[in-house]
Amino acid sequence: MSASELRDLSEAELDKRLQDARQELFNLRLQRAAGKLLNPARVAAVRRSVAQLLTVMRERGAAAGSR
């Protein structure tokens, strides 16, 4: 999902997606440690998703703080 699409989501939806992405990242790290990770590129994709979500959330916080 692109950053512009993320900006259209509500705060609750962003929080939910962030929580899900962090849980998925945790599970992928466990799989990697156990040697059972099938798609190593997925780790990078999920990390990028977490970063995008955090960026959008911080943008909103900065915009709310400047008002």
Protein backbone atom coordinates (compact mmCIF):
# COMPACT_ATOMS: atom_id res chain seq x y z
CA MET A 1 0.00 0.00 0.00
CA SER A 2 1.38 3.39 -0.91
CA ALA A 3 1.92 6.24 1.52
CA SER A 4 -0.83 8.29 -0.13
CA GLU A 5 -3.30 5.46 0.46
CA LEU A 6 -2.16 5.19 4.07
CA ARG A 7 -2.84 8.90 4.61
CA ASP A 8 -6.51 8.29 3.79
CA LEU A 9 -6.92 5.78 6.64
CA SER A 10 -8.21 6.61 10.10
CA GLU A 11 -5.99 6.60 13.18
CA ALA A 12 -7.58 3.37 14.41
CA GLU A 13 -6.96 1.65 11.09
CA LEU A 14 -3.33 2.83 11.06
CA ASP A 15 -2.84 1.51 14.60
CA LYS A 16 -4.35 -1.85 13.64
CA ARG A 17 -2.18 -2.16 10.53
CA LEU A 18 0.93 -1.21 12.50
CA GLN A 19 0.16 -3.81 15.15
CA ASP A 20 -0.42 -6.48 12.48
CA ALA A 21 2.77 -5.58 10.63
CA ARG A 22 4.86 -5.71 13.80
CA GLN A 23 3.38 -9.10 14.69
CA GLU A 24 4.12 -10.41 11.21
CA LEU A 25 7.69 -9.10 11.44
CA PHE A 26 8.12 -10.87 14.78
CA ASN A 27 6.87 -14.13 13.27
CA LEU A 28 9.16 -13.77 10.27
CA ARG A 29 12.15 -13.22 12.55
CA LEU A 30 11.26 -16.37 14.48
CA GLN A 31 11.00 -18.32 11.25
CA ARG A 32 14.37 -16.98 10.11
CA ALA A 33 15.99 -17.98 13.40
CA ALA A 34 14.51 -21.46 13.12
CA GLY A 35 15.71 -21.78 9.52
CA LYS A 36 12.20 -22.15 8.15
CA LEU A 37 11.78 -18.79 6.41
CA LEU A 38 10.54 -19.41 2.88
CA ASN A 39 10.61 -15.85 1.55
CA PRO A 40 13.45 -13.74 2.99
CA ALA A 41 12.40 -10.72 0.93
CA ARG A 42 9.17 -10.56 2.94
CA VAL A 43 11.15 -9.37 5.98
CA ALA A 44 12.32 -6.28 4.11
CA ALA A 45 8.83 -5.63 2.73
CA VAL A 46 7.25 -5.78 6.19
CA ARG A 47 9.96 -3.53 7.67
CA ARG A 48 9.24 -1.02 4.91
CA SER A 49 5.51 -1.20 5.70
CA VAL A 50 6.19 -0.52 9.38
CA ALA A 51 8.34 2.47 8.44
CA GLN A 52 5.64 3.87 6.13
CA LEU A 53 2.99 3.50 8.80
CA LEU A 54 5.15 5.20 11.42
CA THR A 55 5.96 8.02 9.00
CA VAL A 56 2.31 8.73 8.27
CA MET A 57 1.46 8.62 11.97
CA ARG A 58 4.29 11.05 12.80
CA GLU A 59 3.21 13.38 10.00
CA ARG A 60 -0.24 13.55 11.54
CA GLY A 61 1.22 14.17 14.97
CA ALA A 62 3.41 16.99 13.65
CA ALA A 63 0.49 18.52 11.77
CA ALA A 64 -1.69 18.38 14.86
CA GLY A 65 1.07 19.93 16.96
CA SER A 66 1.55 22.87 14.61
CA ARG A 67 -2.11 23.91 14.72
